[in-house]
Amino acid sequence: MAQTLYVKNPDGGQRAVKIVRSWCTSGGTSVYLHTNGRYAYKDGTPLKSANELDILPFVQREAAIAWWKRVGEAESVAYYEGKLQQARDAAGDFQAEIKNTDELDAVNYIRRKTGAKKTAAATAPHTWMEWFPVRPDWWGQARMIAFMDYAYEMVVPAETPADTAETPE
């Protein structure tokens, strides 16, 4: 007979999950067998690796490993790669593959010593060629980036009234 458990949704609500069996260790690790035949965490999230099935007794572990090889591993890889991609997308403006490098070469940054006040003197705007032998991968993609020695801040050209004025047709 299945047991109904209630888990929190990311949006704050609750939803019911049906569990056939569960295994736990004293360290807090747990694996749940859901009514749909999946071995997963309580909320239905796929296990990260087959090693998590080691807490099951021998006969049940063999069945679980067979399930992992058939279905579970592919499901886990797809789920966690999707989560990783979402995290990358949420991280912002870094692009691994740049389509038009000419635009990045035209970007200017000012530089000031790390630890200096925001009002401290900064250099005049420069292109990457004046400071580095090759274009850093962050150049043109980071608004501000700080290292041990210097902080770099992108110079965003101010819009002039001529840029924003509509042209008569």
N, C-alpha and C. Protein backbone atom coordinates (compact mmCIF):
# COMPACT_ATOMS: atom_id res chain seq x y z
N MET A 1 0.84 -1.17 0.00
CA MET A 1 0.00 0.00 0.00
C MET A 1 0.89 1.24 0.00
N ALA A 2 0.56 2.19 -0.83
CA ALA A 2 1.35 3.41 -0.96
C ALA A 2 1.02 4.40 0.14
N GLN A 3 2.01 5.17 0.49
CA GLN A 3 1.84 6.23 1.49
C GLN A 3 1.86 7.56 0.75
N THR A 4 1.00 8.46 1.12
CA THR A 4 0.95 9.79 0.52
C THR A 4 1.72 10.75 1.42
N LEU A 5 2.71 11.42 0.82
CA LEU A 5 3.48 12.44 1.53
C LEU A 5 3.25 13.77 0.83
N TYR A 6 3.39 14.84 1.55
CA TYR A 6 3.22 16.17 0.99
C TYR A 6 4.56 16.89 1.00
N VAL A 7 4.94 17.41 -0.16
CA VAL A 7 6.21 18.11 -0.30
C VAL A 7 5.94 19.53 -0.79
N LYS A 8 6.86 20.42 -0.48
CA LYS A 8 6.72 21.81 -0.89
C LYS A 8 7.07 21.98 -2.37
N ASN A 9 6.30 22.80 -3.04
CA ASN A 9 6.60 23.22 -4.40
C ASN A 9 7.52 24.43 -4.36
N PRO A 10 8.25 24.69 -5.42
CA PRO A 10 9.08 25.90 -5.45
C PRO A 10 8.26 27.19 -5.30
N ASP A 11 7.00 27.15 -5.73
CA ASP A 11 6.16 28.35 -5.63
C ASP A 11 5.56 28.55 -4.24
N GLY A 12 5.83 27.61 -3.32
CA GLY A 12 5.36 27.76 -1.95
C GLY A 12 4.20 26.86 -1.58
N GLY A 13 3.51 26.30 -2.56
CA GLY A 13 2.39 25.41 -2.27
C GLY A 13 2.88 24.02 -1.91
N GLN A 14 1.94 23.11 -1.80
CA GLN A 14 2.28 21.72 -1.51
C GLN A 14 1.68 20.83 -2.58
N ARG A 15 2.32 19.66 -2.75
CA ARG A 15 1.76 18.67 -3.65
C ARG A 15 1.97 17.30 -3.03
N ALA A 16 1.12 16.38 -3.42
CA ALA A 16 1.16 15.03 -2.87
C ALA A 16 2.06 14.15 -3.73
N VAL A 17 2.86 13.31 -3.08
CA VAL A 17 3.64 12.28 -3.78
C VAL A 17 3.31 10.95 -3.12
N LYS A 18 3.27 9.91 -3.93
CA LYS A 18 2.94 8.58 -3.41
C LYS A 18 4.21 7.75 -3.36
N ILE A 19 4.48 7.20 -2.18
CA ILE A 19 5.71 6.46 -1.91
C ILE A 19 5.35 5.01 -1.56
N VAL A 20 6.09 4.06 -2.15
CA VAL A 20 5.90 2.66 -1.82
C VAL A 20 6.80 2.26 -0.66
N ARG A 21 8.06 2.73 -0.73
CA ARG A 21 9.05 2.32 0.27
C ARG A 21 10.10 3.41 0.40
N SER A 22 10.74 3.50 1.54
CA SER A 22 11.84 4.45 1.72
C SER A 22 12.94 3.82 2.55
N TRP A 23 14.16 4.29 2.34
CA TRP A 23 15.33 3.84 3.08
C TRP A 23 16.09 5.07 3.53
N CYS A 24 16.59 5.02 4.76
CA CYS A 24 17.32 6.16 5.32
C CYS A 24 18.56 5.67 6.06
N THR A 25 19.55 6.53 6.14
CA THR A 25 20.72 6.25 6.97
C THR A 25 20.68 7.18 8.16
N SER A 26 21.51 6.89 9.13
CA SER A 26 21.55 7.76 10.31
C SER A 26 22.13 9.13 9.96
N GLY A 27 22.84 9.22 8.84
CA GLY A 27 23.40 10.50 8.41
C GLY A 27 22.39 11.39 7.70
N GLY A 28 21.18 10.87 7.45
CA GLY A 28 20.16 11.70 6.82
C GLY A 28 19.96 11.41 5.35
N THR A 29 20.78 10.55 4.76
CA THR A 29 20.60 10.19 3.36
C THR A 29 19.36 9.33 3.22
N SER A 30 18.54 9.62 2.23
CA SER A 30 17.33 8.82 2.04
C SER A 30 17.04 8.63 0.56
N VAL A 31 16.43 7.49 0.27
CA VAL A 31 16.01 7.15 -1.09
C VAL A 31 14.57 6.67 -0.98
N TYR A 32 13.75 7.09 -1.93
CA TYR A 32 12.33 6.74 -1.91
C TYR A 32 11.99 6.00 -3.20
N LEU A 33 11.19 4.94 -3.07
CA LEU A 33 10.65 4.24 -4.23
C LEU A 33 9.24 4.76 -4.44
N HIS A 34 9.05 5.50 -5.52
CA HIS A 34 7.75 6.10 -5.82
C HIS A 34 6.85 5.07 -6.51
N THR A 35 5.56 5.32 -6.51
CA THR A 35 4.61 4.37 -7.09
C THR A 35 4.78 4.20 -8.60
N ASN A 36 5.45 5.14 -9.24
CA ASN A 36 5.69 5.02 -10.68
C ASN A 36 6.95 4.19 -10.98
N GLY A 37 7.57 3.62 -9.94
CA GLY A 37 8.72 2.74 -10.12
C GLY A 37 10.06 3.43 -10.10
N ARG A 38 10.07 4.72 -9.83
CA ARG A 38 11.32 5.48 -9.81
C ARG A 38 11.92 5.50 -8.42
N TYR A 39 13.23 5.36 -8.37
CA TYR A 39 13.99 5.58 -7.13
C TYR A 39 14.44 7.03 -7.19
N ALA A 40 14.04 7.82 -6.23
CA ALA A 40 14.33 9.25 -6.27
C ALA A 40 14.31 9.80 -4.84
N TYR A 41 14.51 11.11 -4.75
CA TYR A 41 14.38 11.78 -3.47
C TYR A 41 12.89 11.93 -3.15
N LYS A 42 12.59 12.38 -1.96
CA LYS A 42 11.21 12.49 -1.48
C LYS A 42 10.33 13.28 -2.44
N ASP A 43 10.86 14.39 -2.97
CA ASP A 43 10.05 15.24 -3.84
C ASP A 43 9.99 14.75 -5.29
N GLY A 44 10.64 13.63 -5.59
CA GLY A 44 10.63 13.09 -6.95
C GLY A 44 11.83 13.49 -7.78
N THR A 45 12.71 14.32 -7.24
CA THR A 45 13.92 14.71 -7.93
C THR A 45 14.81 13.48 -8.12
N PRO A 46 15.39 13.30 -9.33
CA PRO A 46 16.22 12.12 -9.57
C PRO A 46 17.45 12.07 -8.66
N LEU A 47 17.90 10.86 -8.38
CA LEU A 47 19.13 10.67 -7.62
C LEU A 47 20.30 11.19 -8.44
N LYS A 48 21.36 11.61 -7.78
CA LYS A 48 22.52 12.15 -8.49
C LYS A 48 23.43 11.05 -9.03
N SER A 49 23.52 9.93 -8.32
CA SER A 49 24.38 8.84 -8.78
C SER A 49 23.87 7.51 -8.28
N ALA A 50 24.36 6.44 -8.89
CA ALA A 50 23.97 5.09 -8.49
C ALA A 50 24.50 4.76 -7.10
N ASN A 51 25.52 5.46 -6.65
CA ASN A 51 26.08 5.21 -5.31
C ASN A 51 25.06 5.46 -4.21
N GLU A 52 24.08 6.28 -4.47
CA GLU A 52 23.06 6.57 -3.46
C GLU A 52 22.16 5.37 -3.21
N LEU A 53 22.18 4.40 -4.13
CA LEU A 53 21.38 3.19 -3.97
C LEU A 53 22.05 2.19 -3.04
N ASP A 54 23.26 2.49 -2.59
CA ASP A 54 23.99 1.58 -1.71
C ASP A 54 23.32 1.39 -0.35
N ILE A 55 22.41 2.26 0.02
CA ILE A 55 21.74 2.11 1.32
C ILE A 55 20.64 1.05 1.28
N LEU A 56 20.28 0.58 0.10
CA LEU A 56 19.24 -0.45 -0.02
C LEU A 56 19.81 -1.82 0.34
N PRO A 57 18.97 -2.71 0.87
CA PRO A 57 19.41 -4.09 1.12
C PRO A 57 19.77 -4.77 -0.20
N PHE A 58 20.55 -5.84 -0.13
CA PHE A 58 21.17 -6.45 -1.30
C PHE A 58 20.19 -6.77 -2.44
N VAL A 59 19.13 -7.52 -2.19
CA VAL A 59 18.21 -7.93 -3.26
C VAL A 59 17.54 -6.71 -3.88
N GLN A 60 17.09 -5.79 -3.06
CA GLN A 60 16.44 -4.59 -3.58
C GLN A 60 17.44 -3.70 -4.30
N ARG A 61 18.69 -3.69 -3.84
CA ARG A 61 19.73 -2.90 -4.50
C ARG A 61 19.98 -3.41 -5.91
N GLU A 62 19.98 -4.74 -6.10
CA GLU A 62 20.18 -5.29 -7.44
C GLU A 62 19.08 -4.81 -8.39
N ALA A 63 17.84 -4.83 -7.93
CA ALA A 63 16.72 -4.36 -8.76
C ALA A 63 16.86 -2.86 -9.03
N ALA A 64 17.26 -2.12 -8.03
CA ALA A 64 17.42 -0.67 -8.20
C ALA A 64 18.56 -0.33 -9.16
N ILE A 65 19.65 -1.08 -9.08
CA ILE A 65 20.78 -0.85 -10.01
C ILE A 65 20.36 -1.18 -11.43
N ALA A 66 19.60 -2.24 -11.60
CA ALA A 66 19.09 -2.59 -12.94
C ALA A 66 18.20 -1.46 -13.47
N TRP A 67 17.34 -0.91 -12.61
CA TRP A 67 16.51 0.23 -13.01
C TRP A 67 17.39 1.42 -13.36
N TRP A 68 18.43 1.69 -12.56
CA TRP A 68 19.33 2.81 -12.80
C TRP A 68 19.97 2.71 -14.17
N LYS A 69 20.42 1.51 -14.52
CA LYS A 69 21.08 1.32 -15.82
C LYS A 69 20.09 1.49 -16.98
N ARG A 70 18.84 1.06 -16.80
CA ARG A 70 17.84 1.17 -17.86
C ARG A 70 17.33 2.60 -18.02
N VAL A 71 17.00 3.25 -16.91
CA VAL A 71 16.27 4.51 -16.98
C VAL A 71 16.88 5.62 -16.14
N GLY A 72 17.26 5.29 -14.93
CA GLY A 72 17.62 6.30 -13.94
C GLY A 72 18.80 7.17 -14.30
N GLU A 73 19.85 6.58 -14.87
CA GLU A 73 21.05 7.36 -15.18
C GLU A 73 20.75 8.42 -16.22
N ALA A 74 20.05 8.04 -17.29
CA ALA A 74 19.72 9.02 -18.35
C ALA A 74 18.82 10.12 -17.80
N GLU A 75 17.88 9.74 -16.96
CA GLU A 75 16.98 10.73 -16.34
C GLU A 75 17.76 11.70 -15.46
N SER A 76 18.68 11.16 -14.68
CA SER A 76 19.49 11.99 -13.78
C SER A 76 20.37 12.96 -14.55
N VAL A 77 21.05 12.45 -15.57
CA VAL A 77 21.93 13.30 -16.37
C VAL A 77 21.13 14.42 -17.03
N ALA A 78 20.00 14.10 -17.62
CA ALA A 78 19.17 15.12 -18.28
C ALA A 78 18.70 16.17 -17.27
N TYR A 79 18.27 15.73 -16.10
CA TYR A 79 17.75 16.66 -15.10
C TYR A 79 18.84 17.59 -14.60
N TYR A 80 19.99 17.04 -14.21
CA TYR A 80 21.02 17.89 -13.61
C TYR A 80 21.76 18.73 -14.64
N GLU A 81 21.85 18.29 -15.87
CA GLU A 81 22.41 19.16 -16.91
C GLU A 81 21.46 20.32 -17.21
N GLY A 82 20.17 20.04 -17.17
CA GLY A 82 19.18 21.11 -17.35
C GLY A 82 19.26 22.14 -16.24
N LYS A 83 19.42 21.66 -14.99
CA LYS A 83 19.57 22.58 -13.86
C LYS A 83 20.83 23.42 -14.00
N LEU A 84 21.91 22.79 -14.44
CA LEU A 84 23.17 23.50 -14.62
C LEU A 84 23.03 24.57 -15.70
N GLN A 85 22.33 24.25 -16.78
CA GLN A 85 22.13 25.23 -17.84
C GLN A 85 21.26 26.38 -17.35
N GLN A 86 20.24 26.09 -16.55
CA GLN A 86 19.41 27.15 -15.98
C GLN A 86 20.24 28.07 -15.10
N ALA A 87 21.14 27.50 -14.33
CA ALA A 87 22.01 28.30 -13.46
C ALA A 87 22.94 29.17 -14.29
N ARG A 88 23.46 28.62 -15.38
CA ARG A 88 24.32 29.42 -16.26
C ARG A 88 23.54 30.57 -16.87
N ASP A 89 22.32 30.27 -17.33
CA ASP A 89 21.49 31.32 -17.93
C ASP A 89 21.16 32.40 -16.91
N ALA A 90 20.88 31.99 -15.68
CA ALA A 90 20.54 32.95 -14.64
C ALA A 90 21.75 33.75 -14.18
N ALA A 91 22.95 33.20 -14.40
CA ALA A 91 24.16 33.88 -13.95
C ALA A 91 24.39 35.17 -14.71
N GLY A 92 23.81 35.28 -15.87
CA GLY A 92 23.90 36.58 -16.51
C GLY A 92 24.49 36.59 -17.88
N ASP A 93 25.35 37.56 -18.09
CA ASP A 93 25.72 37.96 -19.43
C ASP A 93 26.93 37.25 -20.00
N PHE A 94 27.56 36.32 -19.31
CA PHE A 94 28.72 35.66 -19.87
C PHE A 94 28.30 34.75 -21.00
N GLN A 95 28.99 34.85 -22.12
CA GLN A 95 28.69 34.03 -23.28
C GLN A 95 29.93 33.24 -23.63
N ALA A 96 29.82 31.92 -23.65
CA ALA A 96 30.96 31.07 -23.97
C ALA A 96 31.37 31.24 -25.43
N GLU A 97 30.39 31.37 -26.30
CA GLU A 97 30.68 31.55 -27.72
C GLU A 97 30.22 32.94 -28.14
N ILE A 98 31.15 33.73 -28.60
CA ILE A 98 30.85 35.10 -29.01
C ILE A 98 30.67 35.10 -30.52
N LYS A 99 29.57 35.69 -30.96
CA LYS A 99 29.29 35.72 -32.39
C LYS A 99 30.09 36.82 -33.10
N ASN A 100 30.09 38.03 -32.53
CA ASN A 100 30.72 39.16 -33.20
C ASN A 100 31.77 39.76 -32.27
N THR A 101 33.03 39.43 -32.51
CA THR A 101 34.09 39.91 -31.62
C THR A 101 34.43 41.37 -31.89
N ASP A 102 34.06 41.91 -33.05
CA ASP A 102 34.35 43.32 -33.34
C ASP A 102 33.66 44.24 -32.33
N GLU A 103 32.45 43.87 -31.93
CA GLU A 103 31.74 44.69 -30.94
C GLU A 103 32.47 44.67 -29.61
N LEU A 104 33.02 43.52 -29.23
CA LEU A 104 33.74 43.42 -27.96
C LEU A 104 35.05 44.19 -28.00
N ASP A 105 35.70 44.21 -29.15
CA ASP A 105 36.95 44.96 -29.28
C ASP A 105 36.73 46.45 -29.12
N ALA A 106 35.54 46.92 -29.41
CA ALA A 106 35.24 48.36 -29.33
C ALA A 106 34.85 48.80 -27.92
N VAL A 107 34.63 47.85 -27.01
CA VAL A 107 34.21 48.20 -25.65
C VAL A 107 35.39 48.78 -24.88
N ASN A 108 35.13 49.82 -24.11
CA ASN A 108 36.15 50.46 -23.27
C ASN A 108 35.85 50.23 -21.80
N TYR A 109 36.93 50.14 -21.02
CA TYR A 109 36.82 50.00 -19.57
C TYR A 109 37.71 51.03 -18.91
N ILE A 110 37.29 51.45 -17.71
CA ILE A 110 38.18 52.23 -16.86
C ILE A 110 38.74 51.27 -15.82
N ARG A 111 39.88 51.63 -15.25
CA ARG A 111 40.52 50.74 -14.29
C ARG A 111 40.92 51.55 -13.07
N ARG A 112 40.72 50.97 -11.88
CA ARG A 112 41.18 51.59 -10.64
C ARG A 112 41.73 50.50 -9.73
N LYS A 113 42.59 50.89 -8.83
CA LYS A 113 43.19 49.94 -7.89
C LYS A 113 42.09 49.29 -7.06
N THR A 114 42.22 48.00 -6.83
CA THR A 114 41.26 47.28 -5.99
C THR A 114 41.40 47.78 -4.56
N GLY A 115 40.29 47.98 -3.92
CA GLY A 115 40.29 48.48 -2.55
C GLY A 115 40.19 50.00 -2.48
N ALA A 116 40.36 50.67 -3.60
CA ALA A 116 40.25 52.12 -3.60
C ALA A 116 38.77 52.51 -3.54
N LYS A 117 38.51 53.69 -3.05
CA LYS A 117 37.13 54.17 -2.96
C LYS A 117 36.58 54.36 -4.36
N LYS A 118 35.26 54.30 -4.45
CA LYS A 118 34.59 54.49 -5.73
C LYS A 118 34.90 55.87 -6.31
N THR A 119 35.20 56.82 -5.46
CA THR A 119 35.50 58.17 -5.92
C THR A 119 37.00 58.36 -6.22
N ALA A 120 37.80 57.30 -5.99
CA ALA A 120 39.24 57.41 -6.25
C ALA A 120 39.48 57.56 -7.75
N ALA A 121 40.64 58.08 -8.07
CA ALA A 121 40.98 58.33 -9.47
C ALA A 121 41.00 57.02 -10.26
N ALA A 122 40.44 57.11 -11.42
CA ALA A 122 40.41 55.96 -12.33
C ALA A 122 41.11 56.37 -13.62
N THR A 123 41.53 55.39 -14.38
CA THR A 123 42.19 55.69 -15.65
C THR A 123 41.17 56.20 -16.65
N ALA A 124 41.66 56.72 -17.72
CA ALA A 124 40.79 57.07 -18.84
C ALA A 124 40.31 55.76 -19.48
N PRO A 125 39.22 55.79 -20.23
CA PRO A 125 38.75 54.57 -20.89
C PRO A 125 39.80 54.00 -21.86
N HIS A 126 39.96 52.69 -21.82
CA HIS A 126 40.92 52.00 -22.68
C HIS A 126 40.28 50.78 -23.31
N THR A 127 40.85 50.34 -24.43
CA THR A 127 40.45 49.07 -25.03
C THR A 127 41.33 47.97 -24.44
N TRP A 128 40.96 46.73 -24.67
CA TRP A 128 41.72 45.62 -24.07
C TRP A 128 43.15 45.58 -24.59
N MET A 129 43.39 46.04 -25.81
CA MET A 129 44.72 45.96 -26.41
C MET A 129 45.76 46.79 -25.67
N GLU A 130 45.30 47.79 -24.92
CA GLU A 130 46.22 48.65 -24.21
C GLU A 130 46.66 48.06 -22.87
N TRP A 131 45.96 47.05 -22.38
CA TRP A 131 46.29 46.47 -21.09
C TRP A 131 46.67 44.99 -21.16
N PHE A 132 46.18 44.27 -22.15
CA PHE A 132 46.37 42.81 -22.20
C PHE A 132 46.92 42.37 -23.54
N PRO A 133 47.71 41.28 -23.56
CA PRO A 133 48.22 40.76 -24.84
C PRO A 133 47.13 40.07 -25.67
N VAL A 134 46.11 39.48 -25.01
CA VAL A 134 44.96 38.89 -25.70
C VAL A 134 43.70 39.36 -24.98
N ARG A 135 42.57 39.39 -25.68
CA ARG A 135 41.33 39.86 -25.09
C ARG A 135 40.86 38.87 -24.02
N PRO A 136 40.67 39.35 -22.77
CA PRO A 136 40.15 38.47 -21.72
C PRO A 136 38.74 38.00 -22.09
N ASP A 137 38.37 36.80 -21.66
CA ASP A 137 37.07 36.27 -22.03
C ASP A 137 35.91 37.07 -21.44
N TRP A 138 36.15 37.83 -20.40
CA TRP A 138 35.09 38.64 -19.79
C TRP A 138 34.94 40.00 -20.45
N TRP A 139 35.88 40.40 -21.28
CA TRP A 139 35.88 41.74 -21.86
C TRP A 139 34.63 41.96 -22.72
N GLY A 140 33.91 43.00 -22.41
CA GLY A 140 32.71 43.34 -23.16
C GLY A 140 31.47 42.60 -22.66
N GLN A 141 31.64 41.68 -21.71
CA GLN A 141 30.50 40.92 -21.20
C GLN A 141 30.23 41.23 -19.73
N ALA A 142 31.21 41.76 -19.02
CA ALA A 142 31.04 42.08 -17.60
C ALA A 142 30.95 43.60 -17.44
N ARG A 143 29.93 44.06 -16.72
CA ARG A 143 29.83 45.49 -16.46
C ARG A 143 30.92 45.94 -15.50
N MET A 144 31.21 45.08 -14.51
CA MET A 144 32.27 45.39 -13.55
C MET A 144 32.86 44.08 -13.08
N ILE A 145 34.19 44.04 -12.99
CA ILE A 145 34.86 42.84 -12.52
C ILE A 145 36.09 43.27 -11.72
N ALA A 146 36.33 42.61 -10.61
CA ALA A 146 37.44 42.99 -9.73
C ALA A 146 38.38 41.81 -9.55
N PHE A 147 39.66 42.12 -9.55
CA PHE A 147 40.70 41.14 -9.31
C PHE A 147 41.54 41.62 -8.13
N MET A 148 42.59 40.90 -7.81
CA MET A 148 43.42 41.24 -6.66
C MET A 148 44.06 42.63 -6.81
N ASP A 149 44.44 42.99 -8.02
CA ASP A 149 45.15 44.25 -8.20
C ASP A 149 44.27 45.39 -8.72
N TYR A 150 43.40 45.12 -9.69
CA TYR A 150 42.59 46.17 -10.30
C TYR A 150 41.13 45.75 -10.43
N ALA A 151 40.26 46.75 -10.46
CA ALA A 151 38.85 46.56 -10.78
C ALA A 151 38.59 47.26 -12.11
N TYR A 152 37.86 46.61 -12.97
CA TYR A 152 37.56 47.15 -14.29
C TYR A 152 36.07 47.42 -14.37
N GLU A 153 35.71 48.60 -14.91
CA GLU A 153 34.31 48.96 -15.05
C GLU A 153 34.05 49.41 -16.48
N MET A 154 33.04 48.81 -17.08
CA MET A 154 32.71 49.10 -18.46
C MET A 154 32.23 50.54 -18.59
N VAL A 155 32.67 51.20 -19.64
CA VAL A 155 32.22 52.55 -19.94
C VAL A 155 31.04 52.42 -20.89
N VAL A 156 29.88 52.82 -20.41
CA VAL A 156 28.67 52.75 -21.21
C VAL A 156 28.45 54.13 -21.80
N PRO A 157 28.46 54.22 -23.13
CA PRO A 157 28.28 55.55 -23.73
C PRO A 157 26.92 56.12 -23.38
N ALA A 158 26.90 57.38 -22.98
CA ALA A 158 25.65 58.05 -22.64
C ALA A 158 24.90 58.39 -23.91
N GLU A 159 23.60 58.25 -23.84
CA GLU A 159 22.79 58.61 -24.99
C GLU A 159 22.73 60.12 -25.11
N THR A 160 22.96 60.61 -26.29
CA THR A 160 22.83 62.04 -26.52
C THR A 160 21.43 62.31 -27.02
N PRO A 161 20.95 63.53 -26.89
CA PRO A 161 19.59 63.83 -27.37
C PRO A 161 19.43 63.49 -28.85
N ALA A 162 20.50 63.57 -29.61
CA ALA A 162 20.41 63.25 -31.04
C ALA A 162 20.16 61.76 -31.23
N ASP A 163 20.68 60.92 -30.32
CA ASP A 163 20.48 59.48 -30.43
C ASP A 163 19.04 59.11 -30.15
N THR A 164 18.39 59.83 -29.26
CA THR A 164 17.04 59.46 -28.84
C THR A 164 15.96 60.18 -29.66
N ALA A 165 16.36 61.21 -30.37
CA ALA A 165 15.37 61.96 -31.15
C ALA A 165 14.90 61.11 -32.32
N GLU A 166 13.60 61.20 -32.59
CA GLU A 166 13.07 60.46 -33.71
C GLU A 166 13.36 61.23 -35.00
N THR A 167 13.69 60.49 -36.02
CA THR A 167 13.96 61.13 -37.30
C THR A 167 12.67 61.23 -38.08
N PRO A 168 12.39 62.38 -38.69
CA PRO A 168 11.15 62.52 -39.46
C PRO A 168 11.23 61.66 -40.73
N GLU A 169 10.10 61.10 -41.07
CA GLU A 169 10.06 60.26 -42.28
C GLU A 169 9.43 60.97 -43.41
